[in-house]
mmCIF file of all heavy atoms, coordinates in Angstrom:
data_MODEL
# 
_entry.id   MODEL 
# 
loop_
_atom_site.group_PDB 
_atom_site.id 
_atom_site.type_symbol 
_atom_site.label_atom_id 
_atom_site.label_alt_id 
_atom_site.label_comp_id 
_atom_site.label_asym_id 
_atom_site.label_entity_id 
_atom_site.label_seq_id 
_atom_site.pdbx_PDB_ins_code 
_atom_site.Cartn_x 
_atom_site.Cartn_y 
_atom_site.Cartn_z 
_atom_site.occupancy 
_atom_site.B_iso_or_equiv 
_atom_site.pdbx_formal_charge 
_atom_site.auth_seq_id 
_atom_site.auth_comp_id 
_atom_site.auth_asym_id 
_atom_site.auth_atom_id 
_atom_site.pdbx_PDB_model_num 
ATOM 1   N N   . ALA A 1 1  ? 4.872  0.591   7.327   1.00 0.00 ? 1  ALA A N   1 
ATOM 2   C CA  . ALA A 1 1  ? 5.714  -0.186  8.243   1.00 0.00 ? 1  ALA A CA  1 
ATOM 3   C C   . ALA A 1 1  ? 4.891  -0.865  9.329   1.00 0.00 ? 1  ALA A C   1 
ATOM 4   O O   . ALA A 1 1  ? 5.245  -1.946  9.809   1.00 0.00 ? 1  ALA A O   1 
ATOM 5   C CB  . ALA A 1 1  ? 6.779  0.723   8.868   1.00 0.00 ? 1  ALA A CB  1 
ATOM 6   N N   . LEU A 1 2  ? 3.775  -0.250  9.716   1.00 0.00 ? 2  LEU A N   1 
ATOM 7   C CA  . LEU A 1 2  ? 2.934  -0.809  10.777  1.00 0.00 ? 2  LEU A CA  1 
ATOM 8   C C   . LEU A 1 2  ? 2.065  -1.970  10.291  1.00 0.00 ? 2  LEU A C   1 
ATOM 9   O O   . LEU A 1 2  ? 1.683  -2.826  11.091  1.00 0.00 ? 2  LEU A O   1 
ATOM 10  C CB  . LEU A 1 2  ? 2.030  0.281   11.360  1.00 0.00 ? 2  LEU A CB  1 
ATOM 11  C CG  . LEU A 1 2  ? 2.699  1.388   12.174  1.00 0.00 ? 2  LEU A CG  1 
ATOM 12  C CD1 . LEU A 1 2  ? 1.663  2.439   12.573  1.00 0.00 ? 2  LEU A CD1 1 
ATOM 13  C CD2 . LEU A 1 2  ? 3.374  0.813   13.410  1.00 0.00 ? 2  LEU A CD2 1 
ATOM 14  N N   . VAL A 1 3  ? 1.710  -1.983  9.014   1.00 0.00 ? 3  VAL A N   1 
ATOM 15  C CA  . VAL A 1 3  ? 0.715  -2.957  8.540   1.00 0.00 ? 3  VAL A CA  1 
ATOM 16  C C   . VAL A 1 3  ? 1.288  -4.048  7.644   1.00 0.00 ? 3  VAL A C   1 
ATOM 17  O O   . VAL A 1 3  ? 0.579  -4.991  7.292   1.00 0.00 ? 3  VAL A O   1 
ATOM 18  C CB  . VAL A 1 3  ? -0.427 -2.236  7.788   1.00 0.00 ? 3  VAL A CB  1 
ATOM 19  C CG1 . VAL A 1 3  ? -1.096 -1.217  8.700   1.00 0.00 ? 3  VAL A CG1 1 
ATOM 20  C CG2 . VAL A 1 3  ? 0.067  -1.561  6.505   1.00 0.00 ? 3  VAL A CG2 1 
ATOM 21  N N   . GLN A 1 4  ? 2.543  -3.967  7.287   1.00 0.00 ? 4  GLN A N   1 
ATOM 22  C CA  . GLN A 1 4  ? 3.081  -4.831  6.244   1.00 0.00 ? 4  GLN A CA  1 
ATOM 23  C C   . GLN A 1 4  ? 3.120  -6.312  6.601   1.00 0.00 ? 4  GLN A C   1 
ATOM 24  O O   . GLN A 1 4  ? 3.163  -7.167  5.716   1.00 0.00 ? 4  GLN A O   1 
ATOM 25  C CB  . GLN A 1 4  ? 4.503  -4.374  5.872   1.00 0.00 ? 4  GLN A CB  1 
ATOM 26  C CG  . GLN A 1 4  ? 5.488  -4.480  7.020   1.00 0.00 ? 4  GLN A CG  1 
ATOM 27  C CD  . GLN A 1 4  ? 6.911  -4.211  6.596   1.00 0.00 ? 4  GLN A CD  1 
ATOM 28  O OE1 . GLN A 1 4  ? 7.298  -4.532  5.483   1.00 0.00 ? 4  GLN A OE1 1 
ATOM 29  N NE2 . GLN A 1 4  ? 7.689  -3.616  7.470   1.00 0.00 ? 4  GLN A NE2 1 
ATOM 30  N N   . ARG A 1 5  ? 3.059  -6.660  7.891   1.00 0.00 ? 5  ARG A N   1 
ATOM 31  C CA  . ARG A 1 5  ? 3.203  -8.067  8.280   1.00 0.00 ? 5  ARG A CA  1 
ATOM 32  C C   . ARG A 1 5  ? 1.907  -8.708  8.767   1.00 0.00 ? 5  ARG A C   1 
ATOM 33  O O   . ARG A 1 5  ? 1.920  -9.863  9.185   1.00 0.00 ? 5  ARG A O   1 
ATOM 34  C CB  . ARG A 1 5  ? 4.281  -8.199  9.358   1.00 0.00 ? 5  ARG A CB  1 
ATOM 35  C CG  . ARG A 1 5  ? 5.684  -7.885  8.860   1.00 0.00 ? 5  ARG A CG  1 
ATOM 36  C CD  . ARG A 1 5  ? 6.743  -8.180  9.908   1.00 0.00 ? 5  ARG A CD  1 
ATOM 37  N NE  . ARG A 1 5  ? 8.071  -7.951  9.371   1.00 0.00 ? 5  ARG A NE  1 
ATOM 38  C CZ  . ARG A 1 5  ? 8.692  -6.780  9.369   1.00 0.00 ? 5  ARG A CZ  1 
ATOM 39  N NH1 . ARG A 1 5  ? 8.089  -5.724  9.909   1.00 0.00 ? 5  ARG A NH1 1 
ATOM 40  N NH2 . ARG A 1 5  ? 9.901  -6.650  8.860   1.00 0.00 ? 5  ARG A NH2 1 
ATOM 41  N N   . ASN A 1 6  ? 0.806  -7.990  8.716   1.00 0.00 ? 6  ASN A N   1 
ATOM 42  C CA  . ASN A 1 6  ? -0.447 -8.529  9.246   1.00 0.00 ? 6  ASN A CA  1 
ATOM 43  C C   . ASN A 1 6  ? -1.530 -8.447  8.179   1.00 0.00 ? 6  ASN A C   1 
ATOM 44  O O   . ASN A 1 6  ? -1.954 -7.366  7.787   1.00 0.00 ? 6  ASN A O   1 
ATOM 45  C CB  . ASN A 1 6  ? -0.872 -7.749  10.499  1.00 0.00 ? 6  ASN A CB  1 
ATOM 46  C CG  . ASN A 1 6  ? -2.073 -8.360  11.192  1.00 0.00 ? 6  ASN A CG  1 
ATOM 47  O OD1 . ASN A 1 6  ? -2.745 -9.243  10.659  1.00 0.00 ? 6  ASN A OD1 1 
ATOM 48  N ND2 . ASN A 1 6  ? -2.349 -7.899  12.393  1.00 0.00 ? 6  ASN A ND2 1 
ATOM 49  N N   . ARG A 1 7  ? -2.002 -9.596  7.751   1.00 0.00 ? 7  ARG A N   1 
ATOM 50  C CA  . ARG A 1 7  ? -2.991 -9.651  6.675   1.00 0.00 ? 7  ARG A CA  1 
ATOM 51  C C   . ARG A 1 7  ? -4.331 -9.038  7.069   1.00 0.00 ? 7  ARG A C   1 
ATOM 52  O O   . ARG A 1 7  ? -5.170 -8.786  6.211   1.00 0.00 ? 7  ARG A O   1 
ATOM 53  C CB  . ARG A 1 7  ? -3.203 -11.089 6.218   1.00 0.00 ? 7  ARG A CB  1 
ATOM 54  C CG  . ARG A 1 7  ? -3.578 -12.025 7.332   1.00 0.00 ? 7  ARG A CG  1 
ATOM 55  C CD  . ARG A 1 7  ? -3.760 -13.447 6.870   1.00 0.00 ? 7  ARG A CD  1 
ATOM 56  N NE  . ARG A 1 7  ? -5.081 -13.628 6.296   1.00 0.00 ? 7  ARG A NE  1 
ATOM 57  C CZ  . ARG A 1 7  ? -5.381 -14.581 5.419   1.00 0.00 ? 7  ARG A CZ  1 
ATOM 58  N NH1 . ARG A 1 7  ? -4.452 -15.415 5.008   1.00 0.00 ? 7  ARG A NH1 1 
ATOM 59  N NH2 . ARG A 1 7  ? -6.606 -14.715 4.961   1.00 0.00 ? 7  ARG A NH2 1 
ATOM 60  N N   . GLU A 1 8  ? -4.543 -8.778  8.354   1.00 0.00 ? 8  GLU A N   1 
ATOM 61  C CA  . GLU A 1 8  ? -5.744 -8.068  8.778   1.00 0.00 ? 8  GLU A CA  1 
ATOM 62  C C   . GLU A 1 8  ? -5.828 -6.696  8.113   1.00 0.00 ? 8  GLU A C   1 
ATOM 63  O O   . GLU A 1 8  ? -6.917 -6.154  7.917   1.00 0.00 ? 8  GLU A O   1 
ATOM 64  C CB  . GLU A 1 8  ? -5.747 -7.926  10.301  1.00 0.00 ? 8  GLU A CB  1 
ATOM 65  C CG  . GLU A 1 8  ? -6.789 -6.988  10.891  1.00 0.00 ? 8  GLU A CG  1 
ATOM 66  C CD  . GLU A 1 8  ? -8.227 -7.387  10.572  1.00 0.00 ? 8  GLU A CD  1 
ATOM 67  O OE1 . GLU A 1 8  ? -8.456 -8.512  10.074  1.00 0.00 ? 8  GLU A OE1 1 
ATOM 68  O OE2 . GLU A 1 8  ? -9.117 -6.571  10.806  1.00 0.00 ? 8  GLU A OE2 1 
ATOM 69  N N   . PHE A 1 9  ? -4.675 -6.153  7.713   1.00 0.00 ? 9  PHE A N   1 
ATOM 70  C CA  . PHE A 1 9  ? -4.633 -4.818  7.131   1.00 0.00 ? 9  PHE A CA  1 
ATOM 71  C C   . PHE A 1 9  ? -4.560 -4.848  5.601   1.00 0.00 ? 9  PHE A C   1 
ATOM 72  O O   . PHE A 1 9  ? -4.023 -3.932  4.981   1.00 0.00 ? 9  PHE A O   1 
ATOM 73  C CB  . PHE A 1 9  ? -3.436 -4.047  7.693   1.00 0.00 ? 9  PHE A CB  1 
ATOM 74  C CG  . PHE A 1 9  ? -3.515 -3.827  9.180   1.00 0.00 ? 9  PHE A CG  1 
ATOM 75  C CD1 . PHE A 1 9  ? -2.665 -4.504  10.044  1.00 0.00 ? 9  PHE A CD1 1 
ATOM 76  C CD2 . PHE A 1 9  ? -4.438 -2.956  9.723   1.00 0.00 ? 9  PHE A CD2 1 
ATOM 77  C CE1 . PHE A 1 9  ? -2.724 -4.305  11.414  1.00 0.00 ? 9  PHE A CE1 1 
ATOM 78  C CE2 . PHE A 1 9  ? -4.512 -2.740  11.095  1.00 0.00 ? 9  PHE A CE2 1 
ATOM 79  C CZ  . PHE A 1 9  ? -3.656 -3.415  11.942  1.00 0.00 ? 9  PHE A CZ  1 
ATOM 80  N N   . LEU A 1 10 ? -5.121 -5.867  4.986   1.00 0.00 ? 10 LEU A N   1 
ATOM 81  C CA  . LEU A 1 10 ? -5.086 -5.966  3.525   1.00 0.00 ? 10 LEU A CA  1 
ATOM 82  C C   . LEU A 1 10 ? -5.687 -4.729  2.868   1.00 0.00 ? 10 LEU A C   1 
ATOM 83  O O   . LEU A 1 10 ? -5.120 -4.178  1.915   1.00 0.00 ? 10 LEU A O   1 
ATOM 84  C CB  . LEU A 1 10 ? -5.833 -7.221  3.059   1.00 0.00 ? 10 LEU A CB  1 
ATOM 85  C CG  . LEU A 1 10 ? -5.975 -7.386  1.553   1.00 0.00 ? 10 LEU A CG  1 
ATOM 86  C CD1 . LEU A 1 10 ? -4.614 -7.548  0.878   1.00 0.00 ? 10 LEU A CD1 1 
ATOM 87  C CD2 . LEU A 1 10 ? -6.891 -8.570  1.221   1.00 0.00 ? 10 LEU A CD2 1 
ATOM 88  N N   . ALA A 1 11 ? -6.840 -4.270  3.346   1.00 0.00 ? 11 ALA A N   1 
ATOM 89  C CA  . ALA A 1 11 ? -7.469 -3.093  2.737   1.00 0.00 ? 11 ALA A CA  1 
ATOM 90  C C   . ALA A 1 11 ? -6.616 -1.849  2.936   1.00 0.00 ? 11 ALA A C   1 
ATOM 91  O O   . ALA A 1 11 ? -6.534 -0.993  2.042   1.00 0.00 ? 11 ALA A O   1 
ATOM 92  C CB  . ALA A 1 11 ? -8.871 -2.880  3.320   1.00 0.00 ? 11 ALA A CB  1 
ATOM 93  N N   . THR A 1 12 ? -5.970 -1.736  4.080   1.00 0.00 ? 12 THR A N   1 
ATOM 94  C CA  . THR A 1 12 ? -5.096 -0.587  4.325   1.00 0.00 ? 12 THR A CA  1 
ATOM 95  C C   . THR A 1 12 ? -3.885 -0.628  3.401   1.00 0.00 ? 12 THR A C   1 
ATOM 96  O O   . THR A 1 12 ? -3.456 0.408   2.883   1.00 0.00 ? 12 THR A O   1 
ATOM 97  C CB  . THR A 1 12 ? -4.662 -0.557  5.800   1.00 0.00 ? 12 THR A CB  1 
ATOM 98  O OG1 . THR A 1 12 ? -5.831 -0.487  6.621   1.00 0.00 ? 12 THR A OG1 1 
ATOM 99  C CG2 . THR A 1 12 ? -3.771 0.634   6.094   1.00 0.00 ? 12 THR A CG2 1 
ATOM 100 N N   . VAL A 1 13 ? -3.333 -1.814  3.173   1.00 0.00 ? 13 VAL A N   1 
ATOM 101 C CA  . VAL A 1 13 ? -2.260 -1.945  2.182   1.00 0.00 ? 13 VAL A CA  1 
ATOM 102 C C   . VAL A 1 13 ? -2.767 -1.464  0.824   1.00 0.00 ? 13 VAL A C   1 
ATOM 103 O O   . VAL A 1 13 ? -2.046 -0.787  0.071   1.00 0.00 ? 13 VAL A O   1 
ATOM 104 C CB  . VAL A 1 13 ? -1.760 -3.400  2.103   1.00 0.00 ? 13 VAL A CB  1 
ATOM 105 C CG1 . VAL A 1 13 ? -0.831 -3.595  0.909   1.00 0.00 ? 13 VAL A CG1 1 
ATOM 106 C CG2 . VAL A 1 13 ? -1.038 -3.785  3.386   1.00 0.00 ? 13 VAL A CG2 1 
ATOM 107 N N   . GLY A 1 14 ? -4.040 -1.759  0.506   1.00 0.00 ? 14 GLY A N   1 
ATOM 108 C CA  . GLY A 1 14 ? -4.630 -1.262  -0.732  1.00 0.00 ? 14 GLY A CA  1 
ATOM 109 C C   . GLY A 1 14 ? -4.639 0.254   -0.792  1.00 0.00 ? 14 GLY A C   1 
ATOM 110 O O   . GLY A 1 14 ? -4.381 0.846   -1.844  1.00 0.00 ? 14 GLY A O   1 
ATOM 111 N N   . GLU A 1 15 ? -4.897 0.908   0.331   1.00 0.00 ? 15 GLU A N   1 
ATOM 112 C CA  . GLU A 1 15 ? -4.872 2.377   0.366   1.00 0.00 ? 15 GLU A CA  1 
ATOM 113 C C   . GLU A 1 15 ? -3.468 2.913   0.116   1.00 0.00 ? 15 GLU A C   1 
ATOM 114 O O   . GLU A 1 15 ? -3.281 3.922   -0.572  1.00 0.00 ? 15 GLU A O   1 
ATOM 115 C CB  . GLU A 1 15 ? -5.415 2.868   1.705   1.00 0.00 ? 15 GLU A CB  1 
ATOM 116 C CG  . GLU A 1 15 ? -6.904 2.609   1.871   1.00 0.00 ? 15 GLU A CG  1 
ATOM 117 C CD  . GLU A 1 15 ? -7.421 2.881   3.268   1.00 0.00 ? 15 GLU A CD  1 
ATOM 118 O OE1 . GLU A 1 15 ? -6.638 2.748   4.237   1.00 0.00 ? 15 GLU A OE1 1 
ATOM 119 O OE2 . GLU A 1 15 ? -8.611 3.206   3.401   1.00 0.00 ? 15 GLU A OE2 1 
ATOM 120 N N   . HIS A 1 16 ? -2.464 2.237   0.656   1.00 0.00 ? 16 HIS A N   1 
ATOM 121 C CA  . HIS A 1 16 ? -1.082 2.634   0.392   1.00 0.00 ? 16 HIS A CA  1 
ATOM 122 C C   . HIS A 1 16 ? -0.736 2.403   -1.080  1.00 0.00 ? 16 HIS A C   1 
ATOM 123 O O   . HIS A 1 16 ? -0.044 3.223   -1.706  1.00 0.00 ? 16 HIS A O   1 
ATOM 124 C CB  . HIS A 1 16 ? -0.127 1.866   1.300   1.00 0.00 ? 16 HIS A CB  1 
ATOM 125 C CG  . HIS A 1 16 ? -0.141 2.338   2.718   1.00 0.00 ? 16 HIS A CG  1 
ATOM 126 N ND1 . HIS A 1 16 ? 0.649  3.371   3.168   1.00 0.00 ? 16 HIS A ND1 1 
ATOM 127 C CD2 . HIS A 1 16 ? -0.859 1.937   3.791   1.00 0.00 ? 16 HIS A CD2 1 
ATOM 128 C CE1 . HIS A 1 16 ? 0.423  3.582   4.455   1.00 0.00 ? 16 HIS A CE1 1 
ATOM 129 N NE2 . HIS A 1 16 ? -0.493 2.732   4.857   1.00 0.00 ? 16 HIS A NE2 1 
ATOM 130 N N   . LEU A 1 17 ? -1.225 1.309   -1.633  1.00 0.00 ? 17 LEU A N   1 
ATOM 131 C CA  . LEU A 1 17 ? -0.973 1.006   -3.033  1.00 0.00 ? 17 LEU A CA  1 
ATOM 132 C C   . LEU A 1 17 ? -1.620 2.058   -3.932  1.00 0.00 ? 17 LEU A C   1 
ATOM 133 O O   . LEU A 1 17 ? -1.019 2.515   -4.921  1.00 0.00 ? 17 LEU A O   1 
ATOM 134 C CB  . LEU A 1 17 ? -1.522 -0.393  -3.349  1.00 0.00 ? 17 LEU A CB  1 
ATOM 135 C CG  . LEU A 1 17 ? -1.215 -0.999  -4.706  1.00 0.00 ? 17 LEU A CG  1 
ATOM 136 C CD1 . LEU A 1 17 ? 0.281  -1.049  -4.959  1.00 0.00 ? 17 LEU A CD1 1 
ATOM 137 C CD2 . LEU A 1 17 ? -1.816 -2.399  -4.785  1.00 0.00 ? 17 LEU A CD2 1 
ATOM 138 N N   . GLU A 1 18 ? -2.826 2.477   -3.585  1.00 0.00 ? 18 GLU A N   1 
ATOM 139 C CA  . GLU A 1 18 ? -3.495 3.532   -4.359  1.00 0.00 ? 18 GLU A CA  1 
ATOM 140 C C   . GLU A 1 18 ? -2.701 4.837   -4.310  1.00 0.00 ? 18 GLU A C   1 
ATOM 141 O O   . GLU A 1 18 ? -2.543 5.516   -5.331  1.00 0.00 ? 18 GLU A O   1 
ATOM 142 C CB  . GLU A 1 18 ? -4.904 3.760   -3.807  1.00 0.00 ? 18 GLU A CB  1 
ATOM 143 C CG  . GLU A 1 18 ? -5.654 4.868   -4.534  1.00 0.00 ? 18 GLU A CG  1 
ATOM 144 C CD  . GLU A 1 18 ? -7.001 5.159   -3.897  1.00 0.00 ? 18 GLU A CD  1 
ATOM 145 O OE1 . GLU A 1 18 ? -7.938 4.369   -4.128  1.00 0.00 ? 18 GLU A OE1 1 
ATOM 146 O OE2 . GLU A 1 18 ? -7.122 6.180   -3.168  1.00 0.00 ? 18 GLU A OE2 1 
ATOM 147 N N   . PHE A 1 19 ? -2.190 5.173   -3.142  1.00 0.00 ? 19 PHE A N   1 
ATOM 148 C CA  . PHE A 1 19 ? -1.397 6.397   -3.015  1.00 0.00 ? 19 PHE A CA  1 
ATOM 149 C C   . PHE A 1 19 ? -0.151 6.330   -3.897  1.00 0.00 ? 19 PHE A C   1 
ATOM 150 O O   . PHE A 1 19 ? 0.205  7.317   -4.561  1.00 0.00 ? 19 PHE A O   1 
ATOM 151 C CB  . PHE A 1 19 ? -1.002 6.613   -1.559  1.00 0.00 ? 19 PHE A CB  1 
ATOM 152 C CG  . PHE A 1 19 ? 0.003  7.714   -1.359  1.00 0.00 ? 19 PHE A CG  1 
ATOM 153 C CD1 . PHE A 1 19 ? -0.338 9.042   -1.567  1.00 0.00 ? 19 PHE A CD1 1 
ATOM 154 C CD2 . PHE A 1 19 ? 1.310  7.418   -0.983  1.00 0.00 ? 19 PHE A CD2 1 
ATOM 155 C CE1 . PHE A 1 19 ? 0.599  10.063  -1.408  1.00 0.00 ? 19 PHE A CE1 1 
ATOM 156 C CE2 . PHE A 1 19 ? 2.246  8.422   -0.810  1.00 0.00 ? 19 PHE A CE2 1 
ATOM 157 C CZ  . PHE A 1 19 ? 1.891  9.751   -1.032  1.00 0.00 ? 19 PHE A CZ  1 
ATOM 158 N N   . LEU A 1 20 ? 0.512  5.195   -3.938  1.00 0.00 ? 20 LEU A N   1 
ATOM 159 C CA  . LEU A 1 20 ? 1.699  5.061   -4.790  1.00 0.00 ? 20 LEU A CA  1 
ATOM 160 C C   . LEU A 1 20 ? 1.339  5.210   -6.258  1.00 0.00 ? 20 LEU A C   1 
ATOM 161 O O   . LEU A 1 20 ? 2.103  5.801   -7.041  1.00 0.00 ? 20 LEU A O   1 
ATOM 162 C CB  . LEU A 1 20 ? 2.366  3.711   -4.534  1.00 0.00 ? 20 LEU A CB  1 
ATOM 163 C CG  . LEU A 1 20 ? 2.970  3.533   -3.138  1.00 0.00 ? 20 LEU A CG  1 
ATOM 164 C CD1 . LEU A 1 20 ? 3.523  2.126   -2.966  1.00 0.00 ? 20 LEU A CD1 1 
ATOM 165 C CD2 . LEU A 1 20 ? 4.061  4.571   -2.871  1.00 0.00 ? 20 LEU A CD2 1 
ATOM 166 N N   . THR A 1 21 ? 0.183  4.715   -6.641  1.00 0.00 ? 21 THR A N   1 
ATOM 167 C CA  . THR A 1 21 ? -0.281 4.883   -8.022  1.00 0.00 ? 21 THR A CA  1 
ATOM 168 C C   . THR A 1 21 ? -0.537 6.351   -8.327  1.00 0.00 ? 21 THR A C   1 
ATOM 169 O O   . THR A 1 21 ? -0.123 6.870   -9.369  1.00 0.00 ? 21 THR A O   1 
ATOM 170 C CB  . THR A 1 21 ? -1.565 4.066   -8.236  1.00 0.00 ? 21 THR A CB  1 
ATOM 171 O OG1 . THR A 1 21 ? -1.292 2.675   -8.003  1.00 0.00 ? 21 THR A OG1 1 
ATOM 172 C CG2 . THR A 1 21 ? -2.099 4.245   -9.649  1.00 0.00 ? 21 THR A CG2 1 
ATOM 173 N N   . LEU A 1 22 ? -1.222 7.040   -7.423  1.00 0.00 ? 22 LEU A N   1 
ATOM 174 C CA  . LEU A 1 22 ? -1.568 8.443   -7.635  1.00 0.00 ? 22 LEU A CA  1 
ATOM 175 C C   . LEU A 1 22 ? -0.330 9.336   -7.719  1.00 0.00 ? 22 LEU A C   1 
ATOM 176 O O   . LEU A 1 22 ? -0.367 10.389  -8.364  1.00 0.00 ? 22 LEU A O   1 
ATOM 177 C CB  . LEU A 1 22 ? -2.473 8.937   -6.504  1.00 0.00 ? 22 LEU A CB  1 
ATOM 178 C CG  . LEU A 1 22 ? -3.915 8.438   -6.549  1.00 0.00 ? 22 LEU A CG  1 
ATOM 179 C CD1 . LEU A 1 22 ? -4.619 8.718   -5.240  1.00 0.00 ? 22 LEU A CD1 1 
ATOM 180 C CD2 . LEU A 1 22 ? -4.669 9.090   -7.714  1.00 0.00 ? 22 LEU A CD2 1 
ATOM 181 N N   . THR A 1 23 ? 0.751  8.926   -7.073  1.00 0.00 ? 23 THR A N   1 
ATOM 182 C CA  . THR A 1 23 ? 1.978  9.725   -7.101  1.00 0.00 ? 23 THR A CA  1 
ATOM 183 C C   . THR A 1 23 ? 2.993  9.192   -8.115  1.00 0.00 ? 23 THR A C   1 
ATOM 184 O O   . THR A 1 23 ? 4.139  9.640   -8.134  1.00 0.00 ? 23 THR A O   1 
ATOM 185 C CB  . THR A 1 23 ? 2.614  9.766   -5.701  1.00 0.00 ? 23 THR A CB  1 
ATOM 186 O OG1 . THR A 1 23 ? 2.747  8.432   -5.190  1.00 0.00 ? 23 THR A OG1 1 
ATOM 187 C CG2 . THR A 1 23 ? 1.753  10.591  -4.746  1.00 0.00 ? 23 THR A CG2 1 
ATOM 188 N N   . GLY A 1 24 ? 2.574  8.241   -8.946  1.00 0.00 ? 24 GLY A N   1 
ATOM 189 C CA  . GLY A 1 24 ? 3.432  7.750   -10.017 1.00 0.00 ? 24 GLY A CA  1 
ATOM 190 C C   . GLY A 1 24 ? 4.577  6.871   -9.571  1.00 0.00 ? 24 GLY A C   1 
ATOM 191 O O   . GLY A 1 24 ? 5.527  6.652   -10.336 1.00 0.00 ? 24 GLY A O   1 
ATOM 192 N N   . ASN A 1 25 ? 4.494  6.324   -8.356  1.00 0.00 ? 25 ASN A N   1 
ATOM 193 C CA  . ASN A 1 25 ? 5.554  5.438   -7.858  1.00 0.00 ? 25 ASN A CA  1 
ATOM 194 C C   . ASN A 1 25 ? 5.228  3.986   -8.223  1.00 0.00 ? 25 ASN A C   1 
ATOM 195 O O   . ASN A 1 25 ? 4.983  3.126   -7.363  1.00 0.00 ? 25 ASN A O   1 
ATOM 196 C CB  . ASN A 1 25 ? 5.701  5.613   -6.349  1.00 0.00 ? 25 ASN A CB  1 
ATOM 197 C CG  . ASN A 1 25 ? 6.325  6.938   -5.980  1.00 0.00 ? 25 ASN A CG  1 
ATOM 198 O OD1 . ASN A 1 25 ? 7.538  7.114   -6.058  1.00 0.00 ? 25 ASN A OD1 1 
ATOM 199 N ND2 . ASN A 1 25 ? 5.478  7.902   -5.605  1.00 0.00 ? 25 ASN A ND2 1 
ATOM 200 N N   . VAL A 1 26 ? 5.229  3.733   -9.528  1.00 0.00 ? 26 VAL A N   1 
ATOM 201 C CA  . VAL A 1 26 ? 4.781  2.438   -10.031 1.00 0.00 ? 26 VAL A CA  1 
ATOM 202 C C   . VAL A 1 26 ? 5.698  1.307   -9.573  1.00 0.00 ? 26 VAL A C   1 
ATOM 203 O O   . VAL A 1 26 ? 5.224  0.236   -9.162  1.00 0.00 ? 26 VAL A O   1 
ATOM 204 C CB  . VAL A 1 26 ? 4.671  2.473   -11.565 1.00 0.00 ? 26 VAL A CB  1 
ATOM 205 C CG1 . VAL A 1 26 ? 4.411  1.075   -12.121 1.00 0.00 ? 26 VAL A CG1 1 
ATOM 206 C CG2 . VAL A 1 26 ? 3.555  3.420   -11.986 1.00 0.00 ? 26 VAL A CG2 1 
ATOM 207 N N   . GLU A 1 27 ? 6.999  1.518   -9.644  1.00 0.00 ? 27 GLU A N   1 
ATOM 208 C CA  . GLU A 1 27 ? 7.923  0.446   -9.257  1.00 0.00 ? 27 GLU A CA  1 
ATOM 209 C C   . GLU A 1 27 ? 7.723  0.053   -7.800  1.00 0.00 ? 27 GLU A C   1 
ATOM 210 O O   . GLU A 1 27 ? 7.705  -1.139  -7.457  1.00 0.00 ? 27 GLU A O   1 
ATOM 211 C CB  . GLU A 1 27 ? 9.364  0.890   -9.495  1.00 0.00 ? 27 GLU A CB  1 
ATOM 212 C CG  . GLU A 1 27 ? 10.372 -0.258  -9.481  1.00 0.00 ? 27 GLU A CG  1 
ATOM 213 C CD  . GLU A 1 27 ? 10.105 -1.289  -10.570 1.00 0.00 ? 27 GLU A CD  1 
ATOM 214 O OE1 . GLU A 1 27 ? 9.705  -0.908  -11.690 1.00 0.00 ? 27 GLU A OE1 1 
ATOM 215 O OE2 . GLU A 1 27 ? 10.272 -2.499  -10.276 1.00 0.00 ? 27 GLU A OE2 1 
ATOM 216 N N   . ARG A 1 28 ? 7.579  1.044   -6.942  1.00 0.00 ? 28 ARG A N   1 
ATOM 217 C CA  . ARG A 1 28 ? 7.328  0.766   -5.532  1.00 0.00 ? 28 ARG A CA  1 
ATOM 218 C C   . ARG A 1 28 ? 5.979  0.055   -5.363  1.00 0.00 ? 28 ARG A C   1 
ATOM 219 O O   . ARG A 1 28 ? 5.844  -0.879  -4.565  1.00 0.00 ? 28 ARG A O   1 
ATOM 220 C CB  . ARG A 1 28 ? 7.353  2.082   -4.747  1.00 0.00 ? 28 ARG A CB  1 
ATOM 221 C CG  . ARG A 1 28 ? 7.319  1.931   -3.239  1.00 0.00 ? 28 ARG A CG  1 
ATOM 222 C CD  . ARG A 1 28 ? 7.301  3.305   -2.568  1.00 0.00 ? 28 ARG A CD  1 
ATOM 223 N NE  . ARG A 1 28 ? 7.431  3.211   -1.129  1.00 0.00 ? 28 ARG A NE  1 
ATOM 224 C CZ  . ARG A 1 28 ? 8.581  3.232   -0.472  1.00 0.00 ? 28 ARG A CZ  1 
ATOM 225 N NH1 . ARG A 1 28 ? 9.718  3.360   -1.147  1.00 0.00 ? 28 ARG A NH1 1 
ATOM 226 N NH2 . ARG A 1 28 ? 8.604  3.143   0.841   1.00 0.00 ? 28 ARG A NH2 1 
ATOM 227 N N   . GLY A 1 29 ? 4.987  0.509   -6.125  1.00 0.00 ? 29 GLY A N   1 
ATOM 228 C CA  . GLY A 1 29 ? 3.678  -0.129  -6.061  1.00 0.00 ? 29 GLY A CA  1 
ATOM 229 C C   . GLY A 1 29 ? 3.719  -1.582  -6.500  1.00 0.00 ? 29 GLY A C   1 
ATOM 230 O O   . GLY A 1 29 ? 3.057  -2.437  -5.904  1.00 0.00 ? 29 GLY A O   1 
# 
């Protein structure tokens, strides 16, 4: 929620995306 609107946090969004993959939340990812 903190990083979703600022492209400065692209790498951090990647970390959230990796977490969703690791927990099998593919649709959310």
